[in-house]
PDB file of all heavy atoms in Angstrom:
ATOM      1  N   PRO A   1       4.084   1.450 -11.845  1.00  0.00           N
ATOM      2  CA  PRO A   1       5.450   1.443 -11.388  1.00  0.00           C
ATOM      3  C   PRO A   1       5.767   0.479 -10.247  1.00  0.00           C
ATOM      4  O   PRO A   1       6.928   0.204  -9.991  1.00  0.00           O
ATOM      5  CB  PRO A   1       5.702   2.905 -10.923  1.00  0.00           C
ATOM      6  CG  PRO A   1       4.704   3.690 -11.633  1.00  0.00           C
ATOM      7  CD  PRO A   1       3.476   2.778 -11.767  1.00  0.00           C
ATOM      8  N   VAL A   2       4.763   0.020  -9.486  1.00  0.00           N
ATOM      9  CA  VAL A   2       5.026  -0.770  -8.330  1.00  0.00           C
ATOM     10  C   VAL A   2       4.470  -2.286  -8.550  1.00  0.00           C
ATOM     11  O   VAL A   2       4.741  -3.094  -7.595  1.00  0.00           O
ATOM     12  CB  VAL A   2       4.372  -0.196  -7.055  1.00  0.00           C
ATOM     13  CG1 VAL A   2       4.815   1.273  -6.834  1.00  0.00           C
ATOM     14  CG2 VAL A   2       2.866  -0.306  -7.064  1.00  0.00           C
ATOM     15  N   LYS A   3       3.826  -2.512  -9.605  1.00  0.00           N
ATOM     16  CA  LYS A   3       3.332  -3.860  -9.843  1.00  0.00           C
ATOM     17  C   LYS A   3       4.431  -4.860  -9.852  1.00  0.00           C
ATOM     18  O   LYS A   3       5.510  -4.657 -10.411  1.00  0.00           O
ATOM     19  CB  LYS A   3       2.533  -3.886 -11.182  1.00  0.00           C
ATOM     20  CG  LYS A   3       1.187  -3.292 -11.157  1.00  0.00           C
ATOM     21  CD  LYS A   3       0.460  -3.479 -12.511  1.00  0.00           C
ATOM     22  CE  LYS A   3      -0.914  -2.832 -12.465  1.00  0.00           C
ATOM     23  NZ  LYS A   3      -1.529  -2.878 -13.815  1.00  0.00           N
ATOM     24  N   GLY A   4       4.130  -5.945  -9.115  1.00  0.00           N
ATOM     25  CA  GLY A   4       5.154  -7.017  -9.094  1.00  0.00           C
ATOM     26  C   GLY A   4       6.223  -6.770  -7.974  1.00  0.00           C
ATOM     27  O   GLY A   4       6.969  -7.710  -7.683  1.00  0.00           O
ATOM     28  N   ARG A   5       6.253  -5.579  -7.324  1.00  0.00           N
ATOM     29  CA  ARG A   5       7.199  -5.290  -6.384  1.00  0.00           C
ATOM     30  C   ARG A   5       6.517  -5.052  -4.953  1.00  0.00           C
ATOM     31  O   ARG A   5       7.056  -5.356  -3.938  1.00  0.00           O
ATOM     32  CB  ARG A   5       8.119  -4.126  -6.697  1.00  0.00           C
ATOM     33  CG  ARG A   5       8.923  -4.286  -7.957  1.00  0.00           C
ATOM     34  CD  ARG A   5       9.813  -3.114  -8.177  1.00  0.00           C
ATOM     35  NE  ARG A   5       9.176  -1.826  -8.312  1.00  0.00           N
ATOM     36  CZ  ARG A   5       9.356  -0.765  -7.557  1.00  0.00           C
ATOM     37  NH1 ARG A   5      10.255  -0.822  -6.547  1.00  0.00           N
ATOM     38  NH2 ARG A   5       8.742   0.385  -7.798  1.00  0.00           N
ATOM     39  N   PHE A   6       5.364  -4.422  -5.007  1.00  0.00           N
ATOM     40  CA  PHE A   6       4.627  -4.050  -3.843  1.00  0.00           C
ATOM     41  C   PHE A   6       3.420  -4.871  -3.638  1.00  0.00           C
ATOM     42  O   PHE A   6       2.781  -5.328  -4.656  1.00  0.00           O
ATOM     43  CB  PHE A   6       4.158  -2.594  -3.833  1.00  0.00           C
ATOM     44  CG  PHE A   6       5.234  -1.497  -3.773  1.00  0.00           C
ATOM     45  CD1 PHE A   6       6.622  -1.882  -3.869  1.00  0.00           C
ATOM     46  CD2 PHE A   6       4.917  -0.221  -3.573  1.00  0.00           C
ATOM     47  CE1 PHE A   6       7.538  -0.886  -3.817  1.00  0.00           C
ATOM     48  CE2 PHE A   6       5.881   0.744  -3.532  1.00  0.00           C
ATOM     49  CZ  PHE A   6       7.188   0.444  -3.644  1.00  0.00           C
ATOM     50  N   THR A   7       3.091  -5.186  -2.393  1.00  0.00           N
ATOM     51  CA  THR A   7       1.870  -5.956  -2.122  1.00  0.00           C
ATOM     52  C   THR A   7       1.073  -5.322  -0.962  1.00  0.00           C
ATOM     53  O   THR A   7       1.598  -5.051   0.147  1.00  0.00           O
ATOM     54  CB  THR A   7       2.182  -7.408  -1.644  1.00  0.00           C
ATOM     55  OG1 THR A   7       2.965  -8.008  -2.712  1.00  0.00           O
ATOM     56  CG2 THR A   7       0.931  -8.161  -1.399  1.00  0.00           C
ATOM     57  N   ILE A   8      -0.196  -4.954  -1.220  1.00  0.00           N
ATOM     58  CA  ILE A   8      -1.029  -4.419  -0.203  1.00  0.00           C
ATOM     59  C   ILE A   8      -1.907  -5.518   0.405  1.00  0.00           C
ATOM     60  O   ILE A   8      -2.293  -6.444  -0.281  1.00  0.00           O
ATOM     61  CB  ILE A   8      -1.943  -3.252  -0.753  1.00  0.00           C
ATOM     62  CG1 ILE A   8      -2.682  -2.548   0.340  1.00  0.00           C
ATOM     63  CG2 ILE A   8      -2.907  -3.824  -1.865  1.00  0.00           C
ATOM     64  CD1 ILE A   8      -3.418  -1.299  -0.104  1.00  0.00           C
ATOM     65  N   SER A   9      -2.054  -5.460   1.685  1.00  0.00           N
ATOM     66  CA  SER A   9      -2.865  -6.481   2.428  1.00  0.00           C
ATOM     67  C   SER A   9      -3.535  -5.822   3.571  1.00  0.00           C
ATOM     68  O   SER A   9      -3.164  -4.700   3.980  1.00  0.00           O
ATOM     69  CB  SER A   9      -2.082  -7.690   2.811  1.00  0.00           C
ATOM     70  OG  SER A   9      -1.010  -7.286   3.699  1.00  0.00           O
ATOM     71  N   ARG A  10      -4.528  -6.534   4.136  1.00  0.00           N
ATOM     72  CA  ARG A  10      -5.197  -6.000   5.309  1.00  0.00           C
ATOM     73  C   ARG A  10      -5.587  -7.065   6.246  1.00  0.00           C
ATOM     74  O   ARG A  10      -5.817  -8.243   5.811  1.00  0.00           O
ATOM     75  CB  ARG A  10      -6.426  -5.196   4.910  1.00  0.00           C
ATOM     76  CG  ARG A  10      -7.534  -5.940   4.251  1.00  0.00           C
ATOM     77  CD  ARG A  10      -8.590  -4.996   3.669  1.00  0.00           C
ATOM     78  NE  ARG A  10      -9.256  -4.192   4.679  1.00  0.00           N
ATOM     79  CZ  ARG A  10      -9.950  -3.084   4.376  1.00  0.00           C
ATOM     80  NH1 ARG A  10     -10.042  -2.683   3.132  1.00  0.00           N
ATOM     81  NH2 ARG A  10     -10.501  -2.416   5.354  1.00  0.00           N
ATOM     82  N   ASP A  11      -5.671  -6.742   7.566  1.00  0.00           N
ATOM     83  CA  ASP A  11      -6.148  -7.646   8.545  1.00  0.00           C
ATOM     84  C   ASP A  11      -7.170  -6.868   9.362  1.00  0.00           C
ATOM     85  O   ASP A  11      -6.838  -6.118  10.215  1.00  0.00           O
ATOM     86  CB  ASP A  11      -4.956  -8.047   9.469  1.00  0.00           C
ATOM     87  CG  ASP A  11      -5.383  -9.153  10.488  1.00  0.00           C
ATOM     88  OD1 ASP A  11      -6.584  -9.235  10.795  1.00  0.00           O
ATOM     89  OD2 ASP A  11      -4.492  -9.830  10.967  1.00  0.00           O
ATOM     90  N   ASN A  12      -8.413  -7.136   8.987  1.00  0.00           N
ATOM     91  CA  ASN A  12      -9.510  -6.377   9.620  1.00  0.00           C
ATOM     92  C   ASN A  12      -9.709  -6.727  11.052  1.00  0.00           C
ATOM     93  O   ASN A  12     -10.118  -5.820  11.809  1.00  0.00           O
ATOM     94  CB  ASN A  12     -10.821  -6.600   8.833  1.00  0.00           C
ATOM     95  CG  ASN A  12     -10.857  -5.920   7.458  1.00  0.00           C
ATOM     96  OD1 ASN A  12     -10.171  -5.021   7.178  1.00  0.00           O
ATOM     97  ND2 ASN A  12     -11.745  -6.458   6.611  1.00  0.00           N
ATOM     98  N   ALA A  13      -9.290  -7.875  11.484  1.00  0.00           N
ATOM     99  CA  ALA A  13      -9.347  -8.290  12.865  1.00  0.00           C
ATOM    100  C   ALA A  13      -8.349  -7.414  13.673  1.00  0.00           C
ATOM    101  O   ALA A  13      -8.611  -7.147  14.843  1.00  0.00           O
ATOM    102  CB  ALA A  13      -9.089  -9.709  13.072  1.00  0.00           C
ATOM    103  N   LYS A  14      -7.233  -7.018  13.074  1.00  0.00           N
ATOM    104  CA  LYS A  14      -6.256  -6.255  13.700  1.00  0.00           C
ATOM    105  C   LYS A  14      -6.347  -4.754  13.362  1.00  0.00           C
ATOM    106  O   LYS A  14      -5.562  -3.960  13.829  1.00  0.00           O
ATOM    107  CB  LYS A  14      -4.821  -6.750  13.373  1.00  0.00           C
ATOM    108  CG  LYS A  14      -4.548  -8.146  13.907  1.00  0.00           C
ATOM    109  CD  LYS A  14      -3.099  -8.523  13.590  1.00  0.00           C
ATOM    110  CE  LYS A  14      -2.813  -9.906  14.163  1.00  0.00           C
ATOM    111  NZ  LYS A  14      -1.424 -10.347  13.832  1.00  0.00           N
ATOM    112  N   ASN A  15      -7.370  -4.474  12.552  1.00  0.00           N
ATOM    113  CA  ASN A  15      -7.597  -3.015  12.167  1.00  0.00           C
ATOM    114  C   ASN A  15      -6.297  -2.432  11.572  1.00  0.00           C
ATOM    115  O   ASN A  15      -5.922  -1.274  11.878  1.00  0.00           O
ATOM    116  CB  ASN A  15      -8.022  -2.193  13.308  1.00  0.00           C
ATOM    117  CG  ASN A  15      -9.490  -1.911  13.237  1.00  0.00           C
ATOM    118  OD1 ASN A  15     -10.263  -2.546  12.458  1.00  0.00           O
ATOM    119  ND2 ASN A  15      -9.976  -0.972  14.013  1.00  0.00           N
ATOM    120  N   THR A  16      -5.613  -3.204  10.730  1.00  0.00           N
ATOM    121  CA  THR A  16      -4.324  -2.789  10.162  1.00  0.00           C
ATOM    122  C   THR A  16      -4.228  -3.140   8.704  1.00  0.00           C
ATOM    123  O   THR A  16      -4.722  -4.149   8.247  1.00  0.00           O
ATOM    124  CB  THR A  16      -3.209  -3.420  10.883  1.00  0.00           C
ATOM    125  OG1 THR A  16      -3.263  -3.201  12.317  1.00  0.00           O
ATOM    126  CG2 THR A  16      -1.858  -2.972  10.400  1.00  0.00           C
ATOM    127  N   VAL A  17      -3.674  -2.203   7.901  1.00  0.00           N
ATOM    128  CA  VAL A  17      -3.377  -2.374   6.520  1.00  0.00           C
ATOM    129  C   VAL A  17      -1.825  -2.340   6.344  1.00  0.00           C
ATOM    130  O   VAL A  17      -1.129  -1.636   7.049  1.00  0.00           O
ATOM    131  CB  VAL A  17      -3.959  -1.312   5.684  1.00  0.00           C
ATOM    132  CG1 VAL A  17      -3.618  -1.369   4.181  1.00  0.00           C
ATOM    133  CG2 VAL A  17      -5.488  -1.340   5.786  1.00  0.00           C
ATOM    134  N   TYR A  18      -1.326  -3.138   5.424  1.00  0.00           N
ATOM    135  CA  TYR A  18       0.093  -3.304   5.210  1.00  0.00           C
ATOM    136  C   TYR A  18       0.458  -2.937   3.716  1.00  0.00           C
ATOM    137  O   TYR A  18      -0.313  -3.135   2.831  1.00  0.00           O
ATOM    138  CB  TYR A  18       0.585  -4.719   5.549  1.00  0.00           C
ATOM    139  CG  TYR A  18       0.176  -5.149   6.925  1.00  0.00           C
ATOM    140  CD1 TYR A  18      -0.922  -5.944   7.089  1.00  0.00           C
ATOM    141  CD2 TYR A  18       0.951  -4.810   8.027  1.00  0.00           C
ATOM    142  CE1 TYR A  18      -1.260  -6.365   8.387  1.00  0.00           C
ATOM    143  CE2 TYR A  18       0.618  -5.239   9.265  1.00  0.00           C
ATOM    144  CZ  TYR A  18      -0.504  -6.016   9.495  1.00  0.00           C
ATOM    145  OH  TYR A  18      -0.840  -6.422  10.676  1.00  0.00           O
ATOM    146  N   LEU A  19       1.713  -2.473   3.561  1.00  0.00           N
ATOM    147  CA  LEU A  19       2.263  -2.382   2.212  1.00  0.00           C
ATOM    148  C   LEU A  19       3.624  -2.976   2.290  1.00  0.00           C
ATOM    149  O   LEU A  19       4.580  -2.397   2.833  1.00  0.00           O
ATOM    150  CB  LEU A  19       2.302  -0.878   1.791  1.00  0.00           C
ATOM    151  CG  LEU A  19       2.765  -0.673   0.323  1.00  0.00           C
ATOM    152  CD1 LEU A  19       1.699  -1.233  -0.612  1.00  0.00           C
ATOM    153  CD2 LEU A  19       2.978   0.768   0.059  1.00  0.00           C
ATOM    154  N   GLN A  20       3.830  -4.160   1.720  1.00  0.00           N
ATOM    155  CA  GLN A  20       5.078  -4.769   1.593  1.00  0.00           C
ATOM    156  C   GLN A  20       5.744  -4.311   0.329  1.00  0.00           C
ATOM    157  O   GLN A  20       5.200  -4.426  -0.797  1.00  0.00           O
ATOM    158  CB  GLN A  20       4.921  -6.337   1.536  1.00  0.00           C
ATOM    159  CG  GLN A  20       6.239  -7.068   1.348  1.00  0.00           C
ATOM    160  CD  GLN A  20       7.162  -6.939   2.587  1.00  0.00           C
ATOM    161  OE1 GLN A  20       6.615  -7.061   3.721  1.00  0.00           O
ATOM    162  NE2 GLN A  20       8.423  -6.708   2.345  1.00  0.00           N
ATOM    163  N   MET A  21       6.913  -3.723   0.531  1.00  0.00           N
ATOM    164  CA  MET A  21       7.683  -3.127  -0.640  1.00  0.00           C
ATOM    165  C   MET A  21       8.947  -3.817  -0.827  1.00  0.00           C
ATOM    166  O   MET A  21       9.827  -3.840   0.081  1.00  0.00           O
ATOM    167  CB  MET A  21       7.924  -1.657  -0.336  1.00  0.00           C
ATOM    168  CG  MET A  21       6.675  -0.852  -0.056  1.00  0.00           C
ATOM    169  SD  MET A  21       6.851   0.913   0.095  1.00  0.00           S
ATOM    170  CE  MET A  21       7.967   0.973   1.499  1.00  0.00           C
ATOM    171  N   ASN A  22       9.148  -4.488  -1.943  1.00  0.00           N
ATOM    172  CA  ASN A  22      10.350  -5.270  -2.243  1.00  0.00           C
ATOM    173  C   ASN A  22      11.011  -4.597  -3.467  1.00  0.00           C
ATOM    174  O   ASN A  22      10.450  -3.808  -4.194  1.00  0.00           O
ATOM    175  CB  ASN A  22      10.002  -6.674  -2.540  1.00  0.00           C
ATOM    176  CG  ASN A  22       9.409  -7.403  -1.389  1.00  0.00           C
ATOM    177  OD1 ASN A  22       9.679  -7.154  -0.276  1.00  0.00           O
ATOM    178  ND2 ASN A  22       8.519  -8.378  -1.713  1.00  0.00           N
ATOM    179  N   SER A  23      12.285  -5.001  -3.675  1.00  0.00           N
ATOM    180  CA  SER A  23      13.085  -4.408  -4.830  1.00  0.00           C
ATOM    181  C   SER A  23      12.969  -2.941  -4.938  1.00  0.00           C
ATOM    182  O   SER A  23      12.708  -2.416  -5.984  1.00  0.00           O
ATOM    183  CB  SER A  23      12.581  -5.123  -6.102  1.00  0.00           C
ATOM    184  OG  SER A  23      12.723  -6.561  -5.987  1.00  0.00           O
ATOM    185  N   LEU A  24      13.190  -2.329  -3.828  1.00  0.00           N
ATOM    186  CA  LEU A  24      12.999  -0.861  -3.820  1.00  0.00           C
ATOM    187  C   LEU A  24      13.969  -0.125  -4.699  1.00  0.00           C
ATOM    188  O   LEU A  24      15.118  -0.521  -4.833  1.00  0.00           O
ATOM    189  CB  LEU A  24      13.027  -0.335  -2.362  1.00  0.00           C
ATOM    190  CG  LEU A  24      11.806  -0.551  -1.588  1.00  0.00           C
ATOM    191  CD1 LEU A  24      12.033  -0.467  -0.054  1.00  0.00           C
ATOM    192  CD2 LEU A  24      10.667   0.429  -1.995  1.00  0.00           C
ATOM    193  N   LYS A  25      13.473   0.969  -5.302  1.00  0.00           N
ATOM    194  CA  LYS A  25      14.293   1.810  -6.195  1.00  0.00           C
ATOM    195  C   LYS A  25      14.365   3.199  -5.630  1.00  0.00           C
ATOM    196  O   LYS A  25      13.537   3.634  -4.923  1.00  0.00           O
ATOM    197  CB  LYS A  25      13.648   1.835  -7.560  1.00  0.00           C
ATOM    198  CG  LYS A  25      13.402   0.537  -8.179  1.00  0.00           C
ATOM    199  CD  LYS A  25      12.706   0.606  -9.513  1.00  0.00           C
ATOM    200  CE  LYS A  25      12.421  -0.748 -10.124  1.00  0.00           C
ATOM    201  NZ  LYS A  25      11.701  -0.669 -11.399  1.00  0.00           N
ATOM    202  N   PRO A  26      15.439   3.972  -6.002  1.00  0.00           N
ATOM    203  CA  PRO A  26      15.491   5.335  -5.544  1.00  0.00           C
ATOM    204  C   PRO A  26      14.282   6.175  -5.937  1.00  0.00           C
ATOM    205  O   PRO A  26      13.836   7.083  -5.083  1.00  0.00           O
ATOM    206  CB  PRO A  26      16.787   5.837  -6.268  1.00  0.00           C
ATOM    207  CG  PRO A  26      17.601   4.663  -6.481  1.00  0.00           C
ATOM    208  CD  PRO A  26      16.636   3.493  -6.707  1.00  0.00           C
ATOM    209  N   GLU A  27      13.644   5.892  -7.002  1.00  0.00           N
ATOM    210  CA  GLU A  27      12.437   6.635  -7.391  1.00  0.00           C
ATOM    211  C   GLU A  27      11.211   6.293  -6.517  1.00  0.00           C
ATOM    212  O   GLU A  27      10.148   6.946  -6.650  1.00  0.00           O
ATOM    213  CB  GLU A  27      12.130   6.446  -8.843  1.00  0.00           C
ATOM    214  CG  GLU A  27      12.048   5.016  -9.277  1.00  0.00           C
ATOM    215  CD  GLU A  27      13.328   4.450  -9.924  1.00  0.00           C
ATOM    216  OE1 GLU A  27      14.429   4.797  -9.395  1.00  0.00           O
ATOM    217  OE2 GLU A  27      13.219   3.741 -10.940  1.00  0.00           O
ATOM    218  N   ASP A  28      11.342   5.289  -5.641  1.00  0.00           N
ATOM    219  CA  ASP A  28      10.322   5.060  -4.689  1.00  0.00           C
ATOM    220  C   ASP A  28      10.354   5.996  -3.489  1.00  0.00           C
ATOM    221  O   ASP A  28       9.453   5.910  -2.584  1.00  0.00           O
ATOM    222  CB  ASP A  28      10.377   3.575  -4.159  1.00  0.00           C
ATOM    223  CG  ASP A  28      10.061   2.565  -5.299  1.00  0.00           C
ATOM    224  OD1 ASP A  28       9.230   2.811  -6.108  1.00  0.00           O
ATOM    225  OD2 ASP A  28      10.820   1.583  -5.300  1.00  0.00           O
ATOM    226  N   THR A  29      11.400   6.788  -3.341  1.00  0.00           N
ATOM    227  CA  THR A  29      11.563   7.680  -2.293  1.00  0.00           C
ATOM    228  C   THR A  29      10.413   8.707  -2.191  1.00  0.00           C
ATOM    229  O   THR A  29      10.098   9.369  -3.218  1.00  0.00           O
ATOM    230  CB  THR A  29      12.868   8.468  -2.350  1.00  0.00           C
ATOM    231  OG1 THR A  29      13.927   7.534  -2.244  1.00  0.00           O
ATOM    232  CG2 THR A  29      12.980   9.555  -1.301  1.00  0.00           C
ATOM    233  N   ALA A  30       9.721   8.703  -1.107  1.00  0.00           N
ATOM    234  CA  ALA A  30       8.489   9.619  -0.951  1.00  0.00           C
ATOM    235  C   ALA A  30       7.965   9.481   0.472  1.00  0.00           C
ATOM    236  O   ALA A  30       8.398   8.583   1.222  1.00  0.00           O
ATOM    237  CB  ALA A  30       7.417   9.207  -1.936  1.00  0.00           C
ATOM    238  N   VAL A  31       7.074  10.367   0.753  1.00  0.00           N
ATOM    239  CA  VAL A  31       6.251  10.175   1.991  1.00  0.00           C
ATOM    240  C   VAL A  31       5.037   9.332   1.584  1.00  0.00           C
ATOM    241  O   VAL A  31       4.347   9.693   0.656  1.00  0.00           O
ATOM    242  CB  VAL A  31       5.782  11.544   2.582  1.00  0.00           C
ATOM    243  CG1 VAL A  31       4.853  11.283   3.779  1.00  0.00           C
ATOM    244  CG2 VAL A  31       6.993  12.381   2.977  1.00  0.00           C
ATOM    245  N   TYR A  32       4.856   8.250   2.340  1.00  0.00           N
ATOM    246  CA  TYR A  32       3.705   7.364   2.006  1.00  0.00           C
ATOM    247  C   TYR A  32       2.625   7.564   3.004  1.00  0.00           C
ATOM    248  O   TYR A  32       2.811   7.533   4.201  1.00  0.00           O
ATOM    249  CB  TYR A  32       4.252   5.901   2.114  1.00  0.00           C
ATOM    250  CG  TYR A  32       5.015   5.503   0.906  1.00  0.00           C
ATOM    251  CD1 TYR A  32       6.298   5.920   0.754  1.00  0.00           C
ATOM    252  CD2 TYR A  32       4.539   4.598  -0.049  1.00  0.00           C
ATOM    253  CE1 TYR A  32       7.084   5.660  -0.365  1.00  0.00           C
ATOM    254  CE2 TYR A  32       5.285   4.196  -1.134  1.00  0.00           C
ATOM    255  CZ  TYR A  32       6.577   4.795  -1.310  1.00  0.00           C
ATOM    256  OH  TYR A  32       7.369   4.406  -2.375  1.00  0.00           O
ATOM    257  N   TYR A  33       1.418   7.861   2.427  1.00  0.00           N
ATOM    258  CA  TYR A  33       0.238   8.098   3.198  1.00  0.00           C
ATOM    259  C   TYR A  33      -0.766   6.905   3.104  1.00  0.00           C
ATOM    260  O   TYR A  33      -1.112   6.520   1.958  1.00  0.00           O
ATOM    261  CB  TYR A  33      -0.447   9.385   2.717  1.00  0.00           C
ATOM    262  CG  TYR A  33       0.371  10.666   2.928  1.00  0.00           C
ATOM    263  CD1 TYR A  33       1.231  11.084   1.977  1.00  0.00           C
ATOM    264  CD2 TYR A  33       0.263  11.368   4.109  1.00  0.00           C
ATOM    265  CE1 TYR A  33       1.930  12.228   2.095  1.00  0.00           C
ATOM    266  CE2 TYR A  33       1.011  12.526   4.294  1.00  0.00           C
ATOM    267  CZ  TYR A  33       1.837  12.969   3.290  1.00  0.00           C
ATOM    268  OH  TYR A  33       2.555  14.138   3.484  1.00  0.00           O
ATOM    269  N   CYS A  34      -1.262   6.526   4.142  1.00  0.00           N
ATOM    270  CA  CYS A  34      -2.360   5.554   4.218  1.00  0.00           C
ATOM    271  C   CYS A  34      -3.647   6.310   4.210  1.00  0.00           C
ATOM    272  O   CYS A  34      -3.759   7.393   4.905  1.00  0.00           O
ATOM    273  CB  CYS A  34      -2.236   4.665   5.438  1.00  0.00           C
ATOM    274  SG  CYS A  34      -3.578   3.642   5.790  1.00  0.00           S
ATOM    275  N   ALA A  35      -4.630   5.873   3.502  1.00  0.00           N
ATOM    276  CA  ALA A  35      -5.928   6.612   3.507  1.00  0.00           C
ATOM    277  C   ALA A  35      -7.141   5.581   3.523  1.00  0.00           C
ATOM    278  O   ALA A  35      -6.968   4.477   3.117  1.00  0.00           O
ATOM    279  CB  ALA A  35      -6.047   7.434   2.238  1.00  0.00           C
ATOM    280  N   ALA A  36      -8.209   6.113   3.994  1.00  0.00           N
ATOM    281  CA  ALA A  36      -9.490   5.335   4.063  1.00  0.00           C
ATOM    282  C   ALA A  36     -10.636   6.087   3.473  1.00  0.00           C
ATOM    283  O   ALA A  36     -10.710   7.246   3.605  1.00  0.00           O
ATOM    284  CB  ALA A  36      -9.775   5.004   5.582  1.00  0.00           C
ATOM    285  N   ASP A  37     -11.463   5.355   2.820  1.00  0.00           N
ATOM    286  CA  ASP A  37     -12.631   5.991   2.141  1.00  0.00           C
ATOM    287  C   ASP A  37     -13.765   5.001   2.008  1.00  0.00           C
ATOM    288  O   ASP A  37     -13.536   3.801   1.762  1.00  0.00           O
ATOM    289  CB  ASP A  37     -12.210   6.564   0.847  1.00  0.00           C
ATOM    290  CG  ASP A  37     -13.187   7.638   0.309  1.00  0.00           C
ATOM    291  OD1 ASP A  37     -14.223   7.250  -0.240  1.00  0.00           O
ATOM    292  OD2 ASP A  37     -12.886   8.763   0.523  1.00  0.00           O
ATOM    293  N   ARG A  38     -15.027   5.471   2.223  1.00  0.00           N
ATOM    294  CA  ARG A  38     -16.116   4.608   2.158  1.00  0.00           C
ATOM    295  C   ARG A  38     -16.754   4.619   0.718  1.00  0.00           C
ATOM    296  O   ARG A  38     -17.701   3.848   0.406  1.00  0.00           O
ATOM    297  CB  ARG A  38     -17.208   5.003   3.122  1.00  0.00           C
ATOM    298  CG  ARG A  38     -16.808   4.680   4.554  1.00  0.00           C
ATOM    299  CD  ARG A  38     -17.777   5.320   5.530  1.00  0.00           C
ATOM    300  NE  ARG A  38     -17.716   6.762   5.522  1.00  0.00           N
ATOM    301  CZ  ARG A  38     -18.547   7.623   6.212  1.00  0.00           C
ATOM    302  NH1 ARG A  38     -19.552   6.983   6.881  1.00  0.00           N
ATOM    303  NH2 ARG A  38     -18.397   8.861   6.100  1.00  0.00           N
ATOM    304  N   TYR A  39     -16.291   5.526  -0.119  1.00  0.00           N
ATOM    305  CA  TYR A  39     -17.056   5.779  -1.406  1.00  0.00           C
ATOM    306  C   TYR A  39     -16.163   5.458  -2.634  1.00  0.00           C
ATOM    307  O   TYR A  39     -16.719   4.966  -3.692  1.00  0.00           O
ATOM    308  CB  TYR A  39     -17.447   7.286  -1.415  1.00  0.00           C
ATOM    309  CG  TYR A  39     -18.312   7.629  -0.240  1.00  0.00           C
ATOM    310  CD1 TYR A  39     -17.802   8.401   0.769  1.00  0.00           C
ATOM    311  CD2 TYR A  39     -19.599   7.101  -0.064  1.00  0.00           C
ATOM    312  CE1 TYR A  39     -18.584   8.756   1.901  1.00  0.00           C
ATOM    313  CE2 TYR A  39     -20.359   7.448   1.010  1.00  0.00           C
ATOM    314  CZ  TYR A  39     -19.869   8.198   2.053  1.00  0.00           C
ATOM    315  OH  TYR A  39     -20.606   8.489   3.169  1.00  0.00           O
ATOM    316  N   PHE A  40     -14.838   5.772  -2.583  1.00  0.00           N
ATOM    317  CA  PHE A  40     -14.066   5.293  -3.698  1.00  0.00           C
ATOM    318  C   PHE A  40     -13.873   3.740  -3.741  1.00  0.00           C
ATOM    319  O   PHE A  40     -13.765   3.211  -2.720  1.00  0.00           O
ATOM    320  CB  PHE A  40     -12.630   5.985  -3.677  1.00  0.00           C
ATOM    321  CG  PHE A  40     -12.634   7.401  -4.089  1.00  0.00           C
ATOM    322  CD1 PHE A  40     -12.494   8.454  -3.253  1.00  0.00           C
ATOM    323  CD2 PHE A  40     -12.733   7.722  -5.463  1.00  0.00           C
ATOM    324  CE1 PHE A  40     -12.514   9.732  -3.630  1.00  0.00           C
ATOM    325  CE2 PHE A  40     -12.660   9.031  -5.872  1.00  0.00           C
ATOM    326  CZ  PHE A  40     -12.561   9.992  -4.958  1.00  0.00           C
ATOM    327  N   SER A  41     -13.830   3.188  -4.886  1.00  0.00           N
ATOM    328  CA  SER A  41     -13.518   1.782  -5.029  1.00  0.00           C
ATOM    329  C   SER A  41     -11.987   1.610  -5.033  1.00  0.00           C
ATOM    330  O   SER A  41     -11.259   2.569  -5.407  1.00  0.00           O
ATOM    331  CB  SER A  41     -14.158   1.158  -6.143  1.00  0.00           C
ATOM    332  OG  SER A  41     -13.620   1.694  -7.339  1.00  0.00           O
ATOM    333  N   ALA A  42     -11.538   0.422  -4.842  1.00  0.00           N
ATOM    334  CA  ALA A  42     -10.126   0.164  -4.946  1.00  0.00           C
ATOM    335  C   ALA A  42      -9.615   0.346  -6.297  1.00  0.00           C
ATOM    336  O   ALA A  42      -8.459   0.753  -6.572  1.00  0.00           O
ATOM    337  CB  ALA A  42      -9.780  -1.232  -4.461  1.00  0.00           C
ATOM    338  N   SER A  43     -10.473   0.183  -7.409  1.00  0.00           N
ATOM    339  CA  SER A  43     -10.056   0.369  -8.727  1.00  0.00           C
ATOM    340  C   SER A  43     -10.094   1.771  -9.221  1.00  0.00           C
ATOM    341  O   SER A  43      -9.615   2.071 -10.335  1.00  0.00           O
ATOM    342  CB  SER A  43     -10.943  -0.536  -9.626  1.00  0.00           C
ATOM    343  OG  SER A  43     -12.317  -0.057  -9.531  1.00  0.00           O
TER     344      SER A  43
END
């Protein structure tokens, strides 16, 4: 649902992760949680 509209990126030097969200839709309304894990892969 977010492909082509959202972009995730990270700056390890700044210890920060970003989520750029464009072309937002009402169905994107939600609480967004950032999470970290050493064992799950991104895929």
